[in-house]
């Protein structure tokens, strides 16, 4: 049986955004309750709690936390599917946002490039519910202002 994300789950936030070297790391178990159930079919991973929390966390600048949610989904997807590449690309964007907060512009630039390389071709979008315009908006959120 597939459990739909609850409103309470989607509103939950950790006490702070984890920024290595600046804030305390969250306990290992903190996000476990939101990760996809083992029996959740791949086709439903883009509608699970972890997916939506990842998007919300990212939008609010909780980049490490978004990565944590999306990695649980990425690990579940088959290796050669474009959905996995999309999730990998979003994880790289989250990492770029984290590096920006850590004031590491070279690492941020490298991760932005990796995210662009990982993103599936625009011809196959949307994937995981993410359109090219949405991906570009997420990228812009974590890109340096020129």
N, C-alpha and C. Protein backbone atom coordinates (compact mmCIF):
# COMPACT_ATOMS: atom_id res chain seq x y z
N UNK A 1 0.84 -1.18 0.00
CA UNK A 1 0.00 0.00 0.00
C UNK A 1 0.89 1.26 0.00
N UNK A 2 0.53 2.22 -0.80
CA UNK A 2 1.29 3.46 -0.91
C UNK A 2 0.68 4.50 0.02
N UNK A 3 1.51 5.08 0.87
CA UNK A 3 1.07 6.11 1.80
C UNK A 3 1.26 7.47 1.14
N UNK A 4 0.19 8.25 1.08
CA UNK A 4 0.27 9.60 0.53
C UNK A 4 0.94 10.52 1.56
N UNK A 5 1.71 11.50 1.07
CA UNK A 5 2.34 12.44 2.01
C UNK A 5 1.28 13.17 2.83
N UNK A 6 1.48 13.26 4.12
CA UNK A 6 0.54 13.99 4.97
C UNK A 6 0.93 15.46 5.01
N UNK A 7 -0.02 16.30 5.29
CA UNK A 7 0.23 17.73 5.40
C UNK A 7 1.23 18.00 6.52
N UNK A 8 1.10 17.26 7.62
CA UNK A 8 2.04 17.45 8.74
C UNK A 8 3.45 17.08 8.34
N UNK A 9 3.62 15.99 7.59
CA UNK A 9 4.95 15.62 7.12
C UNK A 9 5.52 16.70 6.23
N UNK A 10 4.72 17.23 5.33
CA UNK A 10 5.21 18.22 4.37
C UNK A 10 5.51 19.57 5.02
N UNK A 11 4.94 19.83 6.18
CA UNK A 11 5.21 21.08 6.90
C UNK A 11 6.40 20.95 7.85
N UNK A 12 6.82 19.74 8.13
CA UNK A 12 7.90 19.52 9.09
C UNK A 12 9.21 20.08 8.56
N UNK A 13 9.98 20.69 9.45
CA UNK A 13 11.32 21.18 9.14
C UNK A 13 12.24 20.86 10.31
N UNK A 14 13.51 20.57 10.01
CA UNK A 14 14.46 20.43 11.12
C UNK A 14 14.66 21.80 11.78
N UNK A 15 15.27 21.78 12.95
CA UNK A 15 15.48 23.03 13.71
C UNK A 15 16.35 24.03 12.97
N UNK A 16 17.25 23.54 12.12
CA UNK A 16 18.16 24.43 11.40
C UNK A 16 18.65 23.73 10.13
N UNK A 17 19.16 24.51 9.22
CA UNK A 17 19.80 23.95 8.04
C UNK A 17 21.21 23.54 8.43
N UNK A 18 21.59 22.34 8.04
CA UNK A 18 22.94 21.88 8.35
C UNK A 18 23.92 22.49 7.36
N UNK A 19 24.93 23.16 7.88
CA UNK A 19 26.01 23.71 7.08
C UNK A 19 27.30 23.23 7.74
N UNK A 20 28.02 22.32 7.08
CA UNK A 20 29.23 21.77 7.69
C UNK A 20 30.18 22.87 8.18
N UNK A 21 30.66 22.69 9.39
CA UNK A 21 31.59 23.65 9.98
C UNK A 21 30.91 24.84 10.62
N UNK A 22 29.59 24.95 10.45
CA UNK A 22 28.89 26.11 11.01
C UNK A 22 27.73 25.75 11.93
N UNK A 23 27.03 24.69 11.59
CA UNK A 23 25.88 24.29 12.40
C UNK A 23 26.03 22.81 12.76
N UNK A 24 25.31 22.40 13.78
CA UNK A 24 25.36 21.00 14.21
C UNK A 24 24.72 20.09 13.16
N UNK A 25 25.35 18.94 12.99
CA UNK A 25 24.80 17.94 12.07
C UNK A 25 23.56 17.30 12.71
N UNK A 26 22.59 16.99 11.87
CA UNK A 26 21.37 16.35 12.35
C UNK A 26 21.66 14.90 12.73
N UNK A 27 20.90 14.34 13.66
CA UNK A 27 21.06 12.91 13.97
C UNK A 27 20.79 12.06 12.72
N UNK A 28 21.50 10.96 12.59
CA UNK A 28 21.39 10.09 11.42
C UNK A 28 19.96 9.66 11.13
N UNK A 29 19.18 9.41 12.15
CA UNK A 29 17.83 8.86 12.00
C UNK A 29 16.77 9.92 11.69
N UNK A 30 17.09 11.19 11.76
CA UNK A 30 16.10 12.25 11.72
C UNK A 30 15.18 12.20 10.49
N UNK A 31 15.71 11.80 9.35
CA UNK A 31 14.95 11.83 8.11
C UNK A 31 14.39 10.46 7.70
N UNK A 32 14.70 9.43 8.47
CA UNK A 32 14.31 8.07 8.08
C UNK A 32 12.81 7.92 7.86
N UNK A 33 12.00 8.55 8.68
CA UNK A 33 10.54 8.37 8.56
C UNK A 33 9.97 8.91 7.26
N UNK A 34 10.71 9.75 6.56
CA UNK A 34 10.22 10.35 5.32
C UNK A 34 10.71 9.64 4.07
N UNK A 35 11.69 8.77 4.21
CA UNK A 35 12.28 8.11 3.04
C UNK A 35 11.28 7.13 2.44
N UNK A 36 11.39 6.88 1.12
CA UNK A 36 10.41 6.02 0.45
C UNK A 36 10.38 4.61 1.02
N UNK A 37 9.17 4.08 1.10
CA UNK A 37 9.00 2.71 1.56
C UNK A 37 9.64 1.76 0.55
N UNK A 38 10.13 0.65 1.03
CA UNK A 38 10.82 -0.32 0.17
C UNK A 38 9.92 -0.86 -0.93
N UNK A 39 8.61 -0.94 -0.70
CA UNK A 39 7.71 -1.50 -1.70
C UNK A 39 7.10 -0.45 -2.63
N UNK A 40 7.54 0.79 -2.52
CA UNK A 40 7.00 1.85 -3.37
C UNK A 40 7.50 1.68 -4.80
N UNK A 41 6.60 1.53 -5.77
CA UNK A 41 7.03 1.39 -7.16
C UNK A 41 7.77 2.64 -7.65
N UNK A 42 8.75 2.44 -8.52
CA UNK A 42 9.53 3.56 -9.05
C UNK A 42 8.66 4.67 -9.63
N UNK A 43 7.58 4.28 -10.27
CA UNK A 43 6.70 5.26 -10.91
C UNK A 43 6.08 6.22 -9.90
N UNK A 44 6.06 5.85 -8.63
CA UNK A 44 5.45 6.70 -7.61
C UNK A 44 6.47 7.46 -6.77
N UNK A 45 7.75 7.30 -7.06
CA UNK A 45 8.76 7.98 -6.26
C UNK A 45 8.65 9.50 -6.34
N UNK A 46 8.16 10.02 -7.47
CA UNK A 46 8.03 11.48 -7.60
C UNK A 46 6.80 12.03 -6.89
N UNK A 47 6.06 11.16 -6.22
CA UNK A 47 4.91 11.64 -5.45
C UNK A 47 5.00 11.23 -3.99
N UNK A 48 6.17 10.79 -3.55
CA UNK A 48 6.33 10.39 -2.16
C UNK A 48 6.74 11.58 -1.29
N UNK A 49 6.65 11.40 0.00
CA UNK A 49 6.97 12.46 0.96
C UNK A 49 8.39 12.98 0.77
N UNK A 50 9.36 12.07 0.59
CA UNK A 50 10.76 12.49 0.44
C UNK A 50 10.93 13.42 -0.76
N UNK A 51 10.25 13.14 -1.85
CA UNK A 51 10.37 13.98 -3.04
C UNK A 51 9.89 15.40 -2.75
N UNK A 52 8.68 15.48 -2.19
CA UNK A 52 8.11 16.80 -1.91
C UNK A 52 8.89 17.55 -0.83
N UNK A 53 9.33 16.84 0.19
CA UNK A 53 10.15 17.50 1.20
C UNK A 53 11.44 18.02 0.59
N UNK A 54 12.05 17.23 -0.29
CA UNK A 54 13.27 17.69 -0.95
C UNK A 54 13.04 19.00 -1.71
N UNK A 55 11.95 19.08 -2.43
CA UNK A 55 11.63 20.31 -3.16
C UNK A 55 11.40 21.48 -2.20
N UNK A 56 10.67 21.23 -1.12
CA UNK A 56 10.41 22.29 -0.14
C UNK A 56 11.70 22.71 0.57
N UNK A 57 12.48 21.74 0.98
CA UNK A 57 13.75 22.06 1.64
C UNK A 57 14.63 22.91 0.73
N UNK A 58 14.73 22.51 -0.53
CA UNK A 58 15.56 23.24 -1.48
C UNK A 58 15.08 24.69 -1.59
N UNK A 59 13.79 24.87 -1.78
CA UNK A 59 13.22 26.21 -1.95
C UNK A 59 13.50 27.10 -0.74
N UNK A 60 13.61 26.49 0.44
CA UNK A 60 13.82 27.23 1.67
C UNK A 60 15.29 27.31 2.09
N UNK A 61 16.19 26.81 1.23
CA UNK A 61 17.61 26.90 1.53
C UNK A 61 18.15 25.81 2.44
N UNK A 62 17.39 24.76 2.65
CA UNK A 62 17.85 23.60 3.41
C UNK A 62 18.48 22.63 2.40
N UNK A 63 19.64 22.98 1.89
CA UNK A 63 20.24 22.24 0.78
C UNK A 63 20.75 20.85 1.18
N UNK A 64 21.40 20.75 2.31
CA UNK A 64 21.88 19.45 2.76
C UNK A 64 20.69 18.51 2.98
N UNK A 65 19.63 19.04 3.55
CA UNK A 65 18.43 18.27 3.84
C UNK A 65 17.72 17.83 2.56
N UNK A 66 17.68 18.71 1.55
CA UNK A 66 17.10 18.33 0.25
C UNK A 66 17.90 17.17 -0.35
N UNK A 67 19.22 17.29 -0.28
CA UNK A 67 20.09 16.22 -0.78
C UNK A 67 19.77 14.91 -0.07
N UNK A 68 19.60 14.95 1.22
CA UNK A 68 19.30 13.76 2.01
C UNK A 68 18.01 13.09 1.53
N UNK A 69 16.99 13.88 1.26
CA UNK A 69 15.72 13.33 0.79
C UNK A 69 15.86 12.74 -0.62
N UNK A 70 16.48 13.50 -1.50
CA UNK A 70 16.58 13.05 -2.89
C UNK A 70 17.52 11.87 -3.06
N UNK A 71 18.54 11.78 -2.23
CA UNK A 71 19.45 10.65 -2.34
C UNK A 71 18.73 9.33 -2.07
N UNK A 72 17.78 9.35 -1.13
CA UNK A 72 17.01 8.13 -0.84
C UNK A 72 16.23 7.69 -2.07
N UNK A 73 15.77 8.63 -2.87
CA UNK A 73 15.05 8.31 -4.11
C UNK A 73 16.03 7.86 -5.18
N UNK A 74 17.12 8.59 -5.32
CA UNK A 74 18.14 8.27 -6.32
C UNK A 74 18.64 6.84 -6.16
N UNK A 75 18.86 6.42 -4.93
CA UNK A 75 19.35 5.07 -4.66
C UNK A 75 18.36 3.99 -5.09
N UNK A 76 17.09 4.32 -5.13
CA UNK A 76 16.05 3.35 -5.48
C UNK A 76 15.87 3.17 -6.98
N UNK A 77 16.23 4.19 -7.76
CA UNK A 77 15.98 4.16 -9.21
C UNK A 77 17.01 3.31 -9.95
N UNK A 78 16.57 2.69 -11.03
CA UNK A 78 17.47 1.92 -11.89
C UNK A 78 18.59 2.83 -12.39
N UNK A 79 19.77 2.26 -12.62
CA UNK A 79 20.95 3.05 -12.99
C UNK A 79 20.83 3.77 -14.33
N UNK A 80 20.21 3.19 -15.30
CA UNK A 80 20.25 3.76 -16.65
C UNK A 80 18.97 4.51 -17.04
N UNK A 81 18.16 4.88 -16.10
CA UNK A 81 16.92 5.58 -16.45
C UNK A 81 17.10 7.09 -16.35
N UNK A 82 16.43 7.83 -17.21
CA UNK A 82 16.59 9.30 -17.17
C UNK A 82 16.10 9.93 -15.87
N UNK A 83 15.16 9.29 -15.19
CA UNK A 83 14.68 9.82 -13.90
C UNK A 83 15.82 9.86 -12.88
N UNK A 84 16.66 8.85 -12.91
CA UNK A 84 17.80 8.81 -11.98
C UNK A 84 18.77 9.95 -12.29
N UNK A 85 18.97 10.20 -13.58
CA UNK A 85 19.84 11.31 -13.97
C UNK A 85 19.26 12.65 -13.51
N UNK A 86 17.94 12.79 -13.61
CA UNK A 86 17.30 14.03 -13.15
C UNK A 86 17.51 14.23 -11.66
N UNK A 87 17.29 13.17 -10.89
CA UNK A 87 17.47 13.27 -9.44
C UNK A 87 18.93 13.58 -9.11
N UNK A 88 19.85 12.93 -9.82
CA UNK A 88 21.28 13.21 -9.60
C UNK A 88 21.58 14.68 -9.88
N UNK A 89 20.99 15.21 -10.93
CA UNK A 89 21.20 16.61 -11.27
C UNK A 89 20.68 17.53 -10.15
N UNK A 90 19.53 17.20 -9.60
CA UNK A 90 18.98 18.01 -8.51
C UNK A 90 19.84 17.89 -7.25
N UNK A 91 20.37 16.71 -6.99
CA UNK A 91 21.27 16.54 -5.85
C UNK A 91 22.51 17.42 -6.03
N UNK A 92 23.03 17.49 -7.25
CA UNK A 92 24.19 18.35 -7.52
C UNK A 92 23.83 19.82 -7.31
N UNK A 93 22.62 20.21 -7.71
CA UNK A 93 22.20 21.60 -7.46
C UNK A 93 22.11 21.88 -5.96
N UNK A 94 21.58 20.93 -5.20
CA UNK A 94 21.51 21.11 -3.75
C UNK A 94 22.91 21.23 -3.16
N UNK A 95 23.83 20.42 -3.65
CA UNK A 95 25.21 20.51 -3.18
C UNK A 95 25.84 21.86 -3.55
N UNK A 96 25.49 22.37 -4.72
CA UNK A 96 25.99 23.69 -5.13
C UNK A 96 25.47 24.77 -4.18
N UNK A 97 24.20 24.67 -3.81
CA UNK A 97 23.64 25.62 -2.85
C UNK A 97 24.34 25.55 -1.50
N UNK A 98 24.65 24.33 -1.07
CA UNK A 98 25.37 24.16 0.19
C UNK A 98 26.77 24.76 0.10
N UNK A 99 27.46 24.54 -1.01
CA UNK A 99 28.80 25.11 -1.16
C UNK A 99 28.75 26.64 -1.20
N UNK A 100 27.69 27.20 -1.77
CA UNK A 100 27.53 28.66 -1.76
C UNK A 100 27.42 29.16 -0.33
N UNK A 101 26.64 28.46 0.49
CA UNK A 101 26.49 28.86 1.89
C UNK A 101 27.78 28.70 2.67
N UNK A 102 28.63 27.77 2.21
CA UNK A 102 29.91 27.54 2.86
C UNK A 102 30.99 28.48 2.31
N UNK A 103 30.60 29.34 1.37
CA UNK A 103 31.50 30.30 0.72
C UNK A 103 32.65 29.59 0.01
N UNK A 104 32.30 28.60 -0.79
CA UNK A 104 33.27 27.84 -1.57
C UNK A 104 32.88 27.94 -3.05
N UNK A 105 33.14 29.09 -3.68
CA UNK A 105 32.67 29.34 -5.04
C UNK A 105 33.21 28.38 -6.10
N UNK A 106 34.45 27.91 -5.95
CA UNK A 106 34.99 26.97 -6.96
C UNK A 106 34.23 25.65 -6.91
N UNK A 107 33.97 25.16 -5.71
CA UNK A 107 33.20 23.92 -5.57
C UNK A 107 31.77 24.13 -6.07
N UNK A 108 31.20 25.29 -5.78
CA UNK A 108 29.86 25.61 -6.25
C UNK A 108 29.81 25.58 -7.78
N UNK A 109 30.78 26.21 -8.43
CA UNK A 109 30.81 26.24 -9.89
C UNK A 109 30.97 24.84 -10.48
N UNK A 110 31.83 24.03 -9.86
CA UNK A 110 32.03 22.66 -10.33
C UNK A 110 30.74 21.85 -10.22
N UNK A 111 30.03 22.01 -9.12
CA UNK A 111 28.78 21.28 -8.91
C UNK A 111 27.68 21.76 -9.85
N UNK A 112 27.64 23.04 -10.13
CA UNK A 112 26.66 23.55 -11.10
C UNK A 112 26.92 22.95 -12.48
N UNK A 113 28.19 22.81 -12.84
CA UNK A 113 28.53 22.19 -14.12
C UNK A 113 28.13 20.71 -14.12
N UNK A 114 28.41 20.01 -13.03
CA UNK A 114 28.02 18.59 -12.93
C UNK A 114 26.50 18.43 -13.00
N UNK A 115 25.77 19.35 -12.39
CA UNK A 115 24.31 19.30 -12.44
C UNK A 115 23.81 19.47 -13.88
N UNK A 116 24.42 20.40 -14.60
CA UNK A 116 24.03 20.62 -16.00
C UNK A 116 24.33 19.38 -16.83
N UNK A 117 25.48 18.79 -16.61
CA UNK A 117 25.87 17.58 -17.35
C UNK A 117 24.96 16.40 -17.03
N UNK A 118 24.53 16.28 -15.79
CA UNK A 118 23.70 15.15 -15.38
C UNK A 118 22.25 15.29 -15.84
N UNK A 119 21.79 16.53 -15.98
CA UNK A 119 20.39 16.75 -16.35
C UNK A 119 20.09 16.11 -17.70
N UNK A 120 19.02 15.33 -17.78
CA UNK A 120 18.65 14.76 -19.07
C UNK A 120 18.35 15.84 -20.10
N UNK A 121 18.46 15.47 -21.33
CA UNK A 121 18.19 16.38 -22.44
C UNK A 121 16.78 16.94 -22.33
N UNK A 122 16.62 18.18 -22.72
CA UNK A 122 15.33 18.86 -22.64
C UNK A 122 14.23 18.12 -23.39
N UNK A 123 14.60 17.34 -24.40
CA UNK A 123 13.61 16.62 -25.20
C UNK A 123 12.84 15.57 -24.38
N UNK A 124 13.43 15.07 -23.30
CA UNK A 124 12.76 14.05 -22.50
C UNK A 124 12.08 14.62 -21.26
N UNK A 125 12.17 15.92 -21.06
CA UNK A 125 11.53 16.55 -19.90
C UNK A 125 10.07 16.82 -20.18
N UNK A 126 9.22 16.83 -19.18
CA UNK A 126 9.53 16.76 -17.76
C UNK A 126 9.81 15.33 -17.29
N UNK A 127 10.61 15.26 -16.24
CA UNK A 127 10.91 14.01 -15.55
C UNK A 127 10.74 14.24 -14.06
N UNK A 128 10.16 13.28 -13.39
CA UNK A 128 9.91 13.39 -11.95
C UNK A 128 9.08 14.66 -11.67
N UNK A 129 8.31 15.07 -12.66
CA UNK A 129 7.48 16.25 -12.52
C UNK A 129 8.21 17.56 -12.70
N UNK A 130 9.49 17.51 -13.06
CA UNK A 130 10.31 18.72 -13.20
C UNK A 130 10.46 19.07 -14.68
N UNK A 131 10.02 20.27 -15.03
CA UNK A 131 10.17 20.78 -16.39
C UNK A 131 11.54 21.45 -16.53
N UNK A 132 11.90 21.76 -17.76
CA UNK A 132 13.16 22.47 -17.99
C UNK A 132 13.13 23.83 -17.29
N UNK A 133 12.02 24.54 -17.38
CA UNK A 133 11.91 25.85 -16.73
C UNK A 133 12.06 25.74 -15.21
N UNK A 134 11.47 24.71 -14.63
CA UNK A 134 11.61 24.52 -13.18
C UNK A 134 13.06 24.19 -12.81
N UNK A 135 13.70 23.34 -13.60
CA UNK A 135 15.09 23.00 -13.34
C UNK A 135 15.95 24.26 -13.41
N UNK A 136 15.72 25.08 -14.42
CA UNK A 136 16.49 26.32 -14.58
C UNK A 136 16.25 27.26 -13.41
N UNK A 137 15.03 27.29 -12.89
CA UNK A 137 14.72 28.12 -11.73
C UNK A 137 15.47 27.62 -10.49
N UNK A 138 15.50 26.30 -10.31
CA UNK A 138 16.25 25.74 -9.18
C UNK A 138 17.74 26.05 -9.33
N UNK A 139 18.25 25.94 -10.53
CA UNK A 139 19.67 26.24 -10.79
C UNK A 139 19.94 27.71 -10.48
N UNK A 140 19.06 28.59 -10.92
CA UNK A 140 19.25 30.03 -10.69
C UNK A 140 19.29 30.34 -9.19
N UNK A 141 18.52 29.59 -8.39
CA UNK A 141 18.48 29.82 -6.94
C UNK A 141 19.86 29.62 -6.31
N UNK A 142 20.65 28.72 -6.86
CA UNK A 142 21.94 28.39 -6.25
C UNK A 142 23.14 28.85 -7.08
N UNK A 143 22.86 29.66 -8.10
CA UNK A 143 23.94 30.16 -8.98
C UNK A 143 24.40 31.53 -8.50
N UNK A 144 25.69 31.82 -8.69
CA UNK A 144 26.18 33.15 -8.32
C UNK A 144 25.51 34.21 -9.18
N UNK A 145 25.28 35.36 -8.58
CA UNK A 145 24.70 36.47 -9.33
C UNK A 145 25.82 37.14 -10.12
N UNK A 146 25.64 37.19 -11.43
CA UNK A 146 26.70 37.76 -12.31
C UNK A 146 26.63 39.26 -12.34
